[in-house]
Amino acid sequence: MKGHLLISRKELYRKTVLELGKSKRITLVEASARLCLGYRQTLRVYGRFVTEGDSGLIHRRRGVISNRSYSASFRERVLQCYRKYYKPHDLGPTLAAEKLAGEFWGQYT
């Protein structure tokens, strides 16, 4: 999808407010109040918006796997165990997580 950006509502709102600031309809102090950001953070966001355009407003970590995520193999093993032992009993997610934590606790501590 070259040439297209997926943008969230929050980022779209930032774009509209920063465009008002860019066209001098509002000051950056007013923009920071509307965005619920500090003035210095608004300056950083505005500077990135001016230099990079709309793509400068998109969160930098979008699409990147979290540093705190579990490996795919571990997640698959947990899901297999859940489906095998607990799904027929229709446990809720919290109780299932507690039961599974008891089984996997010794392997990852």
PDB file of N, CA and C in Angstrom:
ATOM      1  N   MET A   1       0.830  -1.187   0.000  1.00  0.00           N
ATOM      2  CA  MET A   1       0.000   0.000   0.000  1.00  0.00           C
ATOM      3  C   MET A   1       0.866   1.237   0.000  1.00  0.00           C
ATOM      4  N   LYS A   2       1.660   1.380  -0.992  1.00  0.00           N
ATOM      5  CA  LYS A   2       2.533   2.530  -1.068  1.00  0.00           C
ATOM      6  C   LYS A   2       1.705   3.792  -1.262  1.00  0.00           C
ATOM      7  N   GLY A   3       2.034   4.806  -0.473  1.00  0.00           N
ATOM      8  CA  GLY A   3       1.332   6.063  -0.579  1.00  0.00           C
ATOM      9  C   GLY A   3       0.151   6.203   0.362  1.00  0.00           C
ATOM     10  N   HIS A   4      -0.170   5.136   1.115  1.00  0.00           N
ATOM     11  CA  HIS A   4      -1.279   5.182   2.061  1.00  0.00           C
ATOM     12  C   HIS A   4      -0.751   5.059   3.479  1.00  0.00           C
ATOM     13  N   LEU A   5      -1.394   5.774   4.390  1.00  0.00           N
ATOM     14  CA  LEU A   5      -1.036   5.697   5.802  1.00  0.00           C
ATOM     15  C   LEU A   5      -2.244   5.228   6.598  1.00  0.00           C
ATOM     16  N   LEU A   6      -2.001   4.310   7.518  1.00  0.00           N
ATOM     17  CA  LEU A   6      -3.030   3.946   8.485  1.00  0.00           C
ATOM     18  C   LEU A   6      -2.799   4.832   9.701  1.00  0.00           C
ATOM     19  N   ILE A   7      -3.794   5.596  10.052  1.00  0.00           N
ATOM     20  CA  ILE A   7      -3.626   6.580  11.111  1.00  0.00           C
ATOM     21  C   ILE A   7      -4.764   6.420  12.120  1.00  0.00           C
ATOM     22  N   SER A   8      -4.448   6.511  13.385  1.00  0.00           N
ATOM     23  CA  SER A   8      -5.464   6.364  14.428  1.00  0.00           C
ATOM     24  C   SER A   8      -6.231   7.671  14.597  1.00  0.00           C
ATOM     25  N   ARG A   9      -7.316   7.601  15.358  1.00  0.00           N
ATOM     26  CA  ARG A   9      -8.105   8.809  15.609  1.00  0.00           C
ATOM     27  C   ARG A   9      -7.290   9.856  16.366  1.00  0.00           C
ATOM     28  N   LYS A  10      -6.493   9.383  17.314  1.00  0.00           N
ATOM     29  CA  LYS A  10      -5.667  10.300  18.095  1.00  0.00           C
ATOM     30  C   LYS A  10      -4.679  11.028  17.186  1.00  0.00           C
ATOM     31  N   GLU A  11      -4.048  10.275  16.278  1.00  0.00           N
ATOM     32  CA  GLU A  11      -3.080  10.881  15.363  1.00  0.00           C
ATOM     33  C   GLU A  11      -3.782  11.805  14.373  1.00  0.00           C
ATOM     34  N   LEU A  12      -4.983  11.447  13.964  1.00  0.00           N
ATOM     35  CA  LEU A  12      -5.741  12.306  13.058  1.00  0.00           C
ATOM     36  C   LEU A  12      -6.119  13.618  13.744  1.00  0.00           C
ATOM     37  N   TYR A  13      -6.482  13.533  15.033  1.00  0.00           N
ATOM     38  CA  TYR A  13      -6.799  14.749  15.784  1.00  0.00           C
ATOM     39  C   TYR A  13      -5.551  15.622  15.924  1.00  0.00           C
ATOM     40  N   ARG A  14      -4.411  14.974  16.198  1.00  0.00           N
ATOM     41  CA  ARG A  14      -3.157  15.738  16.278  1.00  0.00           C
ATOM     42  C   ARG A  14      -2.885  16.460  14.970  1.00  0.00           C
ATOM     43  N   LYS A  15      -3.137  15.778  13.863  1.00  0.00           N
ATOM     44  CA  LYS A  15      -2.896  16.376  12.554  1.00  0.00           C
ATOM     45  C   LYS A  15      -3.750  17.619  12.355  1.00  0.00           C
ATOM     46  N   THR A  16      -5.037  17.544  12.701  1.00  0.00           N
ATOM     47  CA  THR A  16      -5.909  18.700  12.508  1.00  0.00           C
ATOM     48  C   THR A  16      -5.486  19.868  13.391  1.00  0.00           C
ATOM     49  N   VAL A  17      -5.127  19.582  14.645  1.00  0.00           N
ATOM     50  CA  VAL A  17      -4.710  20.658  15.559  1.00  0.00           C
ATOM     51  C   VAL A  17      -3.396  21.272  15.089  1.00  0.00           C
ATOM     52  N   LEU A  18      -2.448  20.421  14.683  1.00  0.00           N
ATOM     53  CA  LEU A  18      -1.158  20.946  14.244  1.00  0.00           C
ATOM     54  C   LEU A  18      -1.266  21.709  12.929  1.00  0.00           C
ATOM     55  N   GLU A  19      -2.214  21.321  12.082  1.00  0.00           N
ATOM     56  CA  GLU A  19      -2.438  22.100  10.863  1.00  0.00           C
ATOM     57  C   GLU A  19      -2.979  23.491  11.193  1.00  0.00           C
ATOM     58  N   LEU A  20      -3.820  23.568  12.230  1.00  0.00           N
ATOM     59  CA  LEU A  20      -4.283  24.890  12.680  1.00  0.00           C
ATOM     60  C   LEU A  20      -3.105  25.713  13.177  1.00  0.00           C
ATOM     61  N   GLY A  21      -2.192  25.084  13.867  1.00  0.00           N
ATOM     62  CA  GLY A  21      -1.009  25.789  14.342  1.00  0.00           C
ATOM     63  C   GLY A  21      -0.102  26.198  13.204  1.00  0.00           C
ATOM     64  N   LYS A  22       0.015  25.326  12.213  1.00  0.00           N
ATOM     65  CA  LYS A  22       0.877  25.627  11.064  1.00  0.00           C
ATOM     66  C   LYS A  22       0.327  26.803  10.249  1.00  0.00           C
ATOM     67  N   SER A  23      -0.997  26.900  10.171  1.00  0.00           N
ATOM     68  CA  SER A  23      -1.611  28.002   9.424  1.00  0.00           C
ATOM     69  C   SER A  23      -1.782  29.258  10.277  1.00  0.00           C
ATOM     70  N   LYS A  24      -1.236  29.232  11.501  1.00  0.00           N
ATOM     71  CA  LYS A  24      -1.231  30.378  12.418  1.00  0.00           C
ATOM     72  C   LYS A  24      -2.628  30.764  12.909  1.00  0.00           C
ATOM     73  N   ARG A  25      -3.574  29.834  12.860  1.00  0.00           N
ATOM     74  CA  ARG A  25      -4.896  30.116  13.407  1.00  0.00           C
ATOM     75  C   ARG A  25      -4.899  30.002  14.922  1.00  0.00           C
ATOM     76  N   ILE A  26      -4.042  29.117  15.448  1.00  0.00           N
ATOM     77  CA  ILE A  26      -3.878  29.005  16.894  1.00  0.00           C
ATOM     78  C   ILE A  26      -2.379  28.991  17.193  1.00  0.00           C
ATOM     79  N   THR A  27      -2.028  29.297  18.413  1.00  0.00           N
ATOM     80  CA  THR A  27      -0.619  29.252  18.812  1.00  0.00           C
ATOM     81  C   THR A  27      -0.281  27.834  19.262  1.00  0.00           C
ATOM     82  N   LEU A  28       0.995  27.559  19.407  1.00  0.00           N
ATOM     83  CA  LEU A  28       1.403  26.244  19.881  1.00  0.00           C
ATOM     84  C   LEU A  28       1.032  26.029  21.345  1.00  0.00           C
ATOM     85  N   VAL A  29       0.891  27.092  22.089  1.00  0.00           N
ATOM     86  CA  VAL A  29       0.425  26.975  23.475  1.00  0.00           C
ATOM     87  C   VAL A  29      -1.021  26.467  23.479  1.00  0.00           C
ATOM     88  N   GLU A  30      -1.862  27.036  22.598  1.00  0.00           N
ATOM     89  CA  GLU A  30      -3.238  26.562  22.490  1.00  0.00           C
ATOM     90  C   GLU A  30      -3.278  25.127  21.968  1.00  0.00           C
ATOM     91  N   ALA A  31      -2.413  24.815  21.023  1.00  0.00           N
ATOM     92  CA  ALA A  31      -2.356  23.458  20.482  1.00  0.00           C
ATOM     93  C   ALA A  31      -1.964  22.464  21.566  1.00  0.00           C
ATOM     94  N   SER A  32      -1.008  22.837  22.412  1.00  0.00           N
ATOM     95  CA  SER A  32      -0.594  21.933  23.481  1.00  0.00           C
ATOM     96  C   SER A  32      -1.724  21.707  24.469  1.00  0.00           C
ATOM     97  N   ALA A  33      -2.530  22.723  24.718  1.00  0.00           N
ATOM     98  CA  ALA A  33      -3.687  22.553  25.612  1.00  0.00           C
ATOM     99  C   ALA A  33      -4.722  21.628  24.981  1.00  0.00           C
ATOM    100  N   ARG A  34      -4.972  21.792  23.685  1.00  0.00           N
ATOM    101  CA  ARG A  34      -5.946  20.936  23.000  1.00  0.00           C
ATOM    102  C   ARG A  34      -5.483  19.487  22.928  1.00  0.00           C
ATOM    103  N   LEU A  35      -4.181  19.293  22.774  1.00  0.00           N
ATOM    104  CA  LEU A  35      -3.643  17.935  22.654  1.00  0.00           C
ATOM    105  C   LEU A  35      -3.333  17.299  24.004  1.00  0.00           C
ATOM    106  N   CYS A  36      -3.491  18.068  25.070  1.00  0.00           N
ATOM    107  CA  CYS A  36      -3.159  17.593  26.427  1.00  0.00           C
ATOM    108  C   CYS A  36      -1.698  17.162  26.512  1.00  0.00           C
ATOM    109  N   LEU A  37      -0.829  17.963  25.908  1.00  0.00           N
ATOM    110  CA  LEU A  37       0.608  17.731  25.950  1.00  0.00           C
ATOM    111  C   LEU A  37       1.275  18.958  26.555  1.00  0.00           C
ATOM    112  N   GLY A  38       2.467  18.761  27.039  1.00  0.00           N
ATOM    113  CA  GLY A  38       3.251  19.895  27.478  1.00  0.00           C
ATOM    114  C   GLY A  38       3.727  20.695  26.280  1.00  0.00           C
ATOM    115  N   TYR A  39       4.129  21.921  26.526  1.00  0.00           N
ATOM    116  CA  TYR A  39       4.559  22.782  25.432  1.00  0.00           C
ATOM    117  C   TYR A  39       5.779  22.211  24.718  1.00  0.00           C
ATOM    118  N   ARG A  40       6.749  21.709  25.491  1.00  0.00           N
ATOM    119  CA  ARG A  40       7.966  21.169  24.870  1.00  0.00           C
ATOM    120  C   ARG A  40       7.662  19.924  24.034  1.00  0.00           C
ATOM    121  N   GLN A  41       6.767  19.075  24.523  1.00  0.00           N
ATOM    122  CA  GLN A  41       6.379  17.896  23.748  1.00  0.00           C
ATOM    123  C   GLN A  41       5.652  18.320  22.477  1.00  0.00           C
ATOM    124  N   THR A  42       4.835  19.347  22.577  1.00  0.00           N
ATOM    125  CA  THR A  42       4.142  19.858  21.395  1.00  0.00           C
ATOM    126  C   THR A  42       5.137  20.393  20.380  1.00  0.00           C
ATOM    127  N   LEU A  43       6.187  21.050  20.851  1.00  0.00           N
ATOM    128  CA  LEU A  43       7.229  21.519  19.926  1.00  0.00           C
ATOM    129  C   LEU A  43       7.884  20.359  19.194  1.00  0.00           C
ATOM    130  N   ARG A  44       8.161  19.266  19.919  1.00  0.00           N
ATOM    131  CA  ARG A  44       8.779  18.095  19.281  1.00  0.00           C
ATOM    132  C   ARG A  44       7.844  17.476  18.244  1.00  0.00           C
ATOM    133  N   VAL A  45       6.580  17.308  18.615  1.00  0.00           N
ATOM    134  CA  VAL A  45       5.605  16.713  17.698  1.00  0.00           C
ATOM    135  C   VAL A  45       5.398  17.621  16.489  1.00  0.00           C
ATOM    136  N   TYR A  46       5.301  18.911  16.733  1.00  0.00           N
ATOM    137  CA  TYR A  46       5.114  19.872  15.642  1.00  0.00           C
ATOM    138  C   TYR A  46       6.320  19.870  14.701  1.00  0.00           C
ATOM    139  N   GLY A  47       7.515  19.846  15.258  1.00  0.00           N
ATOM    140  CA  GLY A  47       8.720  19.821  14.424  1.00  0.00           C
ATOM    141  C   GLY A  47       8.772  18.577  13.545  1.00  0.00           C
ATOM    142  N   ARG A  48       8.404  17.430  14.111  1.00  0.00           N
ATOM    143  CA  ARG A  48       8.401  16.200  13.320  1.00  0.00           C
ATOM    144  C   ARG A  48       7.307  16.258  12.255  1.00  0.00           C
ATOM    145  N   PHE A  49       6.164  16.885  12.579  1.00  0.00           N
ATOM    146  CA  PHE A  49       5.077  17.031  11.618  1.00  0.00           C
ATOM    147  C   PHE A  49       5.499  17.932  10.459  1.00  0.00           C
ATOM    148  N   VAL A  50       6.218  18.995  10.752  1.00  0.00           N
ATOM    149  CA  VAL A  50       6.651  19.926   9.704  1.00  0.00           C
ATOM    150  C   VAL A  50       7.693  19.278   8.798  1.00  0.00           C
ATOM    151  N   THR A  51       8.637  18.535   9.394  1.00  0.00           N
ATOM    152  CA  THR A  51       9.713  17.956   8.578  1.00  0.00           C
ATOM    153  C   THR A  51       9.292  16.690   7.845  1.00  0.00           C
ATOM    154  N   GLU A  52       8.488  15.829   8.488  1.00  0.00           N
ATOM    155  CA  GLU A  52       8.156  14.535   7.887  1.00  0.00           C
ATOM    156  C   GLU A  52       6.746  14.464   7.321  1.00  0.00           C
ATOM    157  N   GLY A  53       5.936  15.447   7.609  1.00  0.00           N
ATOM    158  CA  GLY A  53       4.554  15.418   7.129  1.00  0.00           C
ATOM    159  C   GLY A  53       3.678  14.519   7.989  1.00  0.00           C
ATOM    160  N   ASP A  54       2.634  13.977   7.380  1.00  0.00           N
ATOM    161  CA  ASP A  54       1.681  13.152   8.118  1.00  0.00           C
ATOM    162  C   ASP A  54       2.330  11.912   8.721  1.00  0.00           C
ATOM    163  N   SER A  55       3.311  11.343   8.050  1.00  0.00           N
ATOM    164  CA  SER A  55       3.963  10.136   8.563  1.00  0.00           C
ATOM    165  C   SER A  55       4.755  10.410   9.837  1.00  0.00           C
ATOM    166  N   GLY A  56       5.064  11.672  10.116  1.00  0.00           N
ATOM    167  CA  GLY A  56       5.764  12.017  11.340  1.00  0.00           C
ATOM    168  C   GLY A  56       4.898  11.908  12.571  1.00  0.00           C
ATOM    169  N   LEU A  57       3.579  11.818  12.387  1.00  0.00           N
ATOM    170  CA  LEU A  57       2.664  11.714  13.516  1.00  0.00           C
ATOM    171  C   LEU A  57       2.394  10.268  13.914  1.00  0.00           C
ATOM    172  N   ILE A  58       2.738   9.329  13.066  1.00  0.00           N
ATOM    173  CA  ILE A  58       2.471   7.923  13.344  1.00  0.00           C
ATOM    174  C   ILE A  58       3.459   7.414  14.376  1.00  0.00           C
ATOM    175  N   HIS A  59       2.937   6.633  15.326  1.00  0.00           N
ATOM    176  CA  HIS A  59       3.761   6.105  16.409  1.00  0.00           C
ATOM    177  C   HIS A  59       4.891   5.261  15.843  1.00  0.00           C
ATOM    178  N   ARG A  60       6.099   5.465  16.341  1.00  0.00           N
ATOM    179  CA  ARG A  60       7.289   4.814  15.806  1.00  0.00           C
ATOM    180  C   ARG A  60       7.309   3.295  16.019  1.00  0.00           C
ATOM    181  N   ARG A  61       6.655   2.814  17.067  1.00  0.00           N
ATOM    182  CA  ARG A  61       6.702   1.383  17.374  1.00  0.00           C
ATOM    183  C   ARG A  61       5.536   0.607  16.763  1.00  0.00           C
ATOM    184  N   ARG A  62       4.736   1.249  15.926  1.00  0.00           N
ATOM    185  CA  ARG A  62       3.616   0.549  15.310  1.00  0.00           C
ATOM    186  C   ARG A  62       4.135  -0.583  14.430  1.00  0.00           C
ATOM    187  N   GLY A  63       3.588  -1.770  14.647  1.00  0.00           N
ATOM    188  CA  GLY A  63       3.969  -2.931  13.855  1.00  0.00           C
ATOM    189  C   GLY A  63       5.188  -3.665  14.376  1.00  0.00           C
ATOM    190  N   VAL A  64       5.803  -3.195  15.450  1.00  0.00           N
ATOM    191  CA  VAL A  64       6.987  -3.838  16.012  1.00  0.00           C
ATOM    192  C   VAL A  64       6.551  -4.714  17.183  1.00  0.00           C
ATOM    193  N   ILE A  65       7.083  -5.921  17.245  1.00  0.00           N
ATOM    194  CA  ILE A  65       6.734  -6.834  18.322  1.00  0.00           C
ATOM    195  C   ILE A  65       7.271  -6.289  19.638  1.00  0.00           C
ATOM    196  N   SER A  66       6.466  -6.414  20.680  1.00  0.00           N
ATOM    197  CA  SER A  66       6.832  -5.910  21.995  1.00  0.00           C
ATOM    198  C   SER A  66       8.052  -6.631  22.548  1.00  0.00           C
ATOM    199  N   ASN A  67       8.863  -5.910  23.296  1.00  0.00           N
ATOM    200  CA  ASN A  67      10.019  -6.523  23.949  1.00  0.00           C
ATOM    201  C   ASN A  67       9.591  -7.453  25.072  1.00  0.00           C
ATOM    202  N   ARG A  68       8.382  -7.285  25.552  1.00  0.00           N
ATOM    203  CA  ARG A  68       7.892  -8.081  26.670  1.00  0.00           C
ATOM    204  C   ARG A  68       7.064  -9.284  26.240  1.00  0.00           C
ATOM    205  N   SER A  69       6.942  -9.522  24.942  1.00  0.00           N
ATOM    206  CA  SER A  69       6.103 -10.615  24.465  1.00  0.00           C
ATOM    207  C   SER A  69       6.801 -11.964  24.632  1.00  0.00           C
ATOM    208  N   TYR A  70       5.980 -12.998  24.718  1.00  0.00           N
ATOM    209  CA  TYR A  70       6.499 -14.358  24.799  1.00  0.00           C
ATOM    210  C   TYR A  70       6.786 -14.866  23.395  1.00  0.00           C
ATOM    211  N   SER A  71       7.600 -15.897  23.303  1.00  0.00           N
ATOM    212  CA  SER A  71       7.917 -16.462  21.993  1.00  0.00           C
ATOM    213  C   SER A  71       6.667 -17.148  21.431  1.00  0.00           C
ATOM    214  N   ALA A  72       6.642 -17.295  20.125  1.00  0.00           N
ATOM    215  CA  ALA A  72       5.494 -17.916  19.465  1.00  0.00           C
ATOM    216  C   ALA A  72       5.340 -19.371  19.879  1.00  0.00           C
ATOM    217  N   SER A  73       6.450 -20.069  20.073  1.00  0.00           N
ATOM    218  CA  SER A  73       6.374 -21.479  20.464  1.00  0.00           C
ATOM    219  C   SER A  73       5.776 -21.616  21.866  1.00  0.00           C
ATOM    220  N   PHE A  74       6.152 -20.734  22.781  1.00  0.00           N
ATOM    221  CA  PHE A  74       5.604 -20.778  24.137  1.00  0.00           C
ATOM    222  C   PHE A  74       4.107 -20.500  24.112  1.00  0.00           C
ATOM    223  N   ARG A  75       3.699 -19.484  23.369  1.00  0.00           N
ATOM    224  CA  ARG A  75       2.283 -19.153  23.281  1.00  0.00           C
ATOM    225  C   ARG A  75       1.490 -20.317  22.701  1.00  0.00           C
ATOM    226  N   GLU A  76       2.042 -20.968  21.697  1.00  0.00           N
ATOM    227  CA  GLU A  76       1.346 -22.099  21.083  1.00  0.00           C
ATOM    228  C   GLU A  76       1.208 -23.255  22.068  1.00  0.00           C
ATOM    229  N   ARG A  77       2.245 -23.529  22.857  1.00  0.00           N
ATOM    230  CA  ARG A  77       2.173 -24.593  23.862  1.00  0.00           C
ATOM    231  C   ARG A  77       1.124 -24.276  24.919  1.00  0.00           C
ATOM    232  N   VAL A  78       1.042 -23.043  25.338  1.00  0.00           N
ATOM    233  CA  VAL A  78       0.048 -22.649  26.335  1.00  0.00           C
ATOM    234  C   VAL A  78      -1.354 -22.813  25.763  1.00  0.00           C
ATOM    235  N   LEU A  79      -1.561 -22.376  24.539  1.00  0.00           N
ATOM    236  CA  LEU A  79      -2.879 -22.504  23.926  1.00  0.00           C
ATOM    237  C   LEU A  79      -3.272 -23.961  23.726  1.00  0.00           C
ATOM    238  N   GLN A  80      -2.319 -24.811  23.344  1.00  0.00           N
ATOM    239  CA  GLN A  80      -2.610 -26.241  23.206  1.00  0.00           C
ATOM    240  C   GLN A  80      -3.026 -26.830  24.544  1.00  0.00           C
ATOM    241  N   CYS A  81      -2.317 -26.478  25.594  1.00  0.00           N
ATOM    242  CA  CYS A  81      -2.642 -26.981  26.932  1.00  0.00           C
ATOM    243  C   CYS A  81      -4.017 -26.496  27.356  1.00  0.00           C
ATOM    244  N   TYR A  82      -4.330 -25.249  27.082  1.00  0.00           N
ATOM    245  CA  TYR A  82      -5.636 -24.705  27.439  1.00  0.00           C
ATOM    246  C   TYR A  82      -6.747 -25.446  26.698  1.00  0.00           C
ATOM    247  N   ARG A  83      -6.563 -25.622  25.402  1.00  0.00           N
ATOM    248  CA  ARG A  83      -7.588 -26.301  24.608  1.00  0.00           C
ATOM    249  C   ARG A  83      -7.772 -27.751  25.047  1.00  0.00           C
ATOM    250  N   LYS A  84      -6.676 -28.386  25.414  1.00  0.00           N
ATOM    251  CA  LYS A  84      -6.729 -29.802  25.780  1.00  0.00           C
ATOM    252  C   LYS A  84      -7.404 -30.012  27.132  1.00  0.00           C
ATOM    253  N   TYR A  85      -7.045 -29.217  28.137  1.00  0.00           N
ATOM    254  CA  TYR A  85      -7.499 -29.489  29.497  1.00  0.00           C
ATOM    255  C   TYR A  85      -8.638 -28.594  29.978  1.00  0.00           C
ATOM    256  N   TYR A  86      -8.657 -27.350  29.560  1.00  0.00           N
ATOM    257  CA  TYR A  86      -9.559 -26.411  30.205  1.00  0.00           C
ATOM    258  C   TYR A  86     -10.710 -25.925  29.338  1.00  0.00           C
ATOM    259  N   LYS A  87     -10.589 -25.982  28.053  1.00  0.00           N
ATOM    260  CA  LYS A  87     -11.662 -25.483  27.180  1.00  0.00           C
ATOM    261  C   LYS A  87     -12.969 -26.242  27.388  1.00  0.00           C
ATOM    262  N   PRO A  88     -12.951 -27.559  27.545  1.00  0.00           N
ATOM    263  CA  PRO A  88     -14.235 -28.249  27.748  1.00  0.00           C
ATOM    264  C   PRO A  88     -14.964 -27.776  28.998  1.00  0.00           C
ATOM    265  N   HIS A  89     -14.236 -27.249  29.981  1.00  0.00           N
ATOM    266  CA  HIS A  89     -14.859 -26.799  31.213  1.00  0.00           C
ATOM    267  C   HIS A  89     -15.298 -25.341  31.138  1.00  0.00           C
ATOM    268  N   ASP A  90     -14.986 -24.694  30.041  1.00  0.00           N
ATOM    269  CA  ASP A  90     -15.353 -23.289  29.833  1.00  0.00           C
ATOM    270  C   ASP A  90     -14.900 -22.388  30.980  1.00  0.00           C
ATOM    271  N   LEU A  91     -13.642 -22.484  31.289  1.00  0.00           N
ATOM    272  CA  LEU A  91     -13.076 -21.585  32.291  1.00  0.00           C
ATOM    273  C   LEU A  91     -12.938 -20.195  31.685  1.00  0.00           C
ATOM    274  N   GLY A  92     -13.085 -19.193  32.514  1.00  0.00           N
ATOM    275  CA  GLY A  92     -12.858 -17.838  32.055  1.00  0.00           C
ATOM    276  C   GLY A  92     -11.364 -17.594  31.872  1.00  0.00           C
ATOM    277  N   PRO A  93     -10.982 -16.503  31.241  1.00  0.00           N
ATOM    278  CA  PRO A  93      -9.576 -16.249  30.960  1.00  0.00           C
ATOM    279  C   PRO A  93      -8.723 -16.079  32.219  1.00  0.00           C
ATOM    280  N   THR A  94      -9.274 -15.491  33.266  1.00  0.00           N
ATOM    281  CA  THR A  94      -8.494 -15.260  34.481  1.00  0.00           C
ATOM    282  C   THR A  94      -8.200 -16.569  35.192  1.00  0.00           C
ATOM    283  N   LEU A  95      -9.226 -17.401  35.379  1.00  0.00           N
ATOM    284  CA  LEU A  95      -9.022 -18.678  36.055  1.00  0.00           C
ATOM    285  C   LEU A  95      -8.132 -19.595  35.228  1.00  0.00           C
ATOM    286  N   ALA A  96      -8.316 -19.597  33.917  1.00  0.00           N
ATOM    287  CA  ALA A  96      -7.464 -20.409  33.052  1.00  0.00           C
ATOM    288  C   ALA A  96      -6.015 -19.949  33.149  1.00  0.00           C
ATOM    289  N   ALA A  97      -5.788 -18.636  33.204  1.00  0.00           N
ATOM    290  CA  ALA A  97      -4.420 -18.121  33.320  1.00  0.00           C
ATOM    291  C   ALA A  97      -3.796 -18.542  34.631  1.00  0.00           C
ATOM    292  N   GLU A  98      -4.580 -18.542  35.721  1.00  0.00           N
ATOM    293  CA  GLU A  98      -4.049 -18.967  37.017  1.00  0.00           C
ATOM    294  C   GLU A  98      -3.689 -20.447  37.004  1.00  0.00           C
ATOM    295  N   LYS A  99      -4.544 -21.272  36.417  1.00  0.00           N
ATOM    296  CA  LYS A  99      -4.276 -22.716  36.356  1.00  0.00           C
ATOM    297  C   LYS A  99      -3.064 -23.001  35.469  1.00  0.00           C
ATOM    298  N   LEU A 100      -2.994 -22.333  34.328  1.00  0.00           N
ATOM    299  CA  LEU A 100      -1.864 -22.550  33.420  1.00  0.00           C
ATOM    300  C   LEU A 100      -0.567 -22.034  34.029  1.00  0.00           C
ATOM    301  N   ALA A 101      -0.627 -20.960  34.790  1.00  0.00           N
ATOM    302  CA  ALA A 101       0.575 -20.425  35.438  1.00  0.00           C
ATOM    303  C   ALA A 101       1.139 -21.445  36.405  1.00  0.00           C
ATOM    304  N   GLY A 102       0.261 -22.197  37.076  1.00  0.00           N
ATOM    305  CA  GLY A 102       0.716 -23.246  37.986  1.00  0.00           C
ATOM    306  C   GLY A 102       1.456 -24.342  37.256  1.00  0.00           C
ATOM    307  N   GLU A 103       1.027 -24.677  36.047  1.00  0.00           N
ATOM    308  CA  GLU A 103       1.673 -25.740  35.272  1.00  0.00           C
ATOM    309  C   GLU A 103       2.999 -25.286  34.675  1.00  0.00           C
ATOM    310  N   PHE A 104       3.054 -24.052  34.186  1.00  0.00           N
ATOM    311  CA  PHE A 104       4.246 -23.578  33.482  1.00  0.00           C
ATOM    312  C   PHE A 104       5.214 -22.835  34.413  1.00  0.00           C
ATOM    313  N   TRP A 105       4.870 -22.675  35.662  1.00  0.00           N
ATOM    314  CA  TRP A 105       5.658 -21.842  36.566  1.00  0.00           C
ATOM    315  C   TRP A 105       7.088 -22.329  36.713  1.00  0.00           C
ATOM    316  N   GLY A 106       7.277 -23.602  36.893  1.00  0.00           N
ATOM    317  CA  GLY A 106       8.620 -24.129  37.138  1.00  0.00           C
ATOM    318  C   GLY A 106       9.554 -24.030  35.948  1.00  0.00           C
ATOM    319  N   GLN A 107       8.994 -23.947  34.740  1.00  0.00           N
ATOM    320  CA  GLN A 107       9.825 -23.938  33.536  1.00  0.00           C
ATOM    321  C   GLN A 107      10.449 -22.587  33.259  1.00  0.00           C
ATOM    322  N   TYR A 108       9.829 -21.505  33.718  1.00  0.00           N
ATOM    323  CA  TYR A 108      10.272 -20.168  33.306  1.00  0.00           C
ATOM    324  C   TYR A 108      10.592 -19.254  34.478  1.00  0.00           C
ATOM    325  N   THR A 109      10.957 -19.837  35.633  1.00  0.00           N
ATOM    326  CA  THR A 109      11.350 -18.984  36.755  1.00  0.00           C
ATOM    327  C   THR A 109      12.830 -19.033  36.969  1.00  0.00           C
TER     328      THR A 109
END
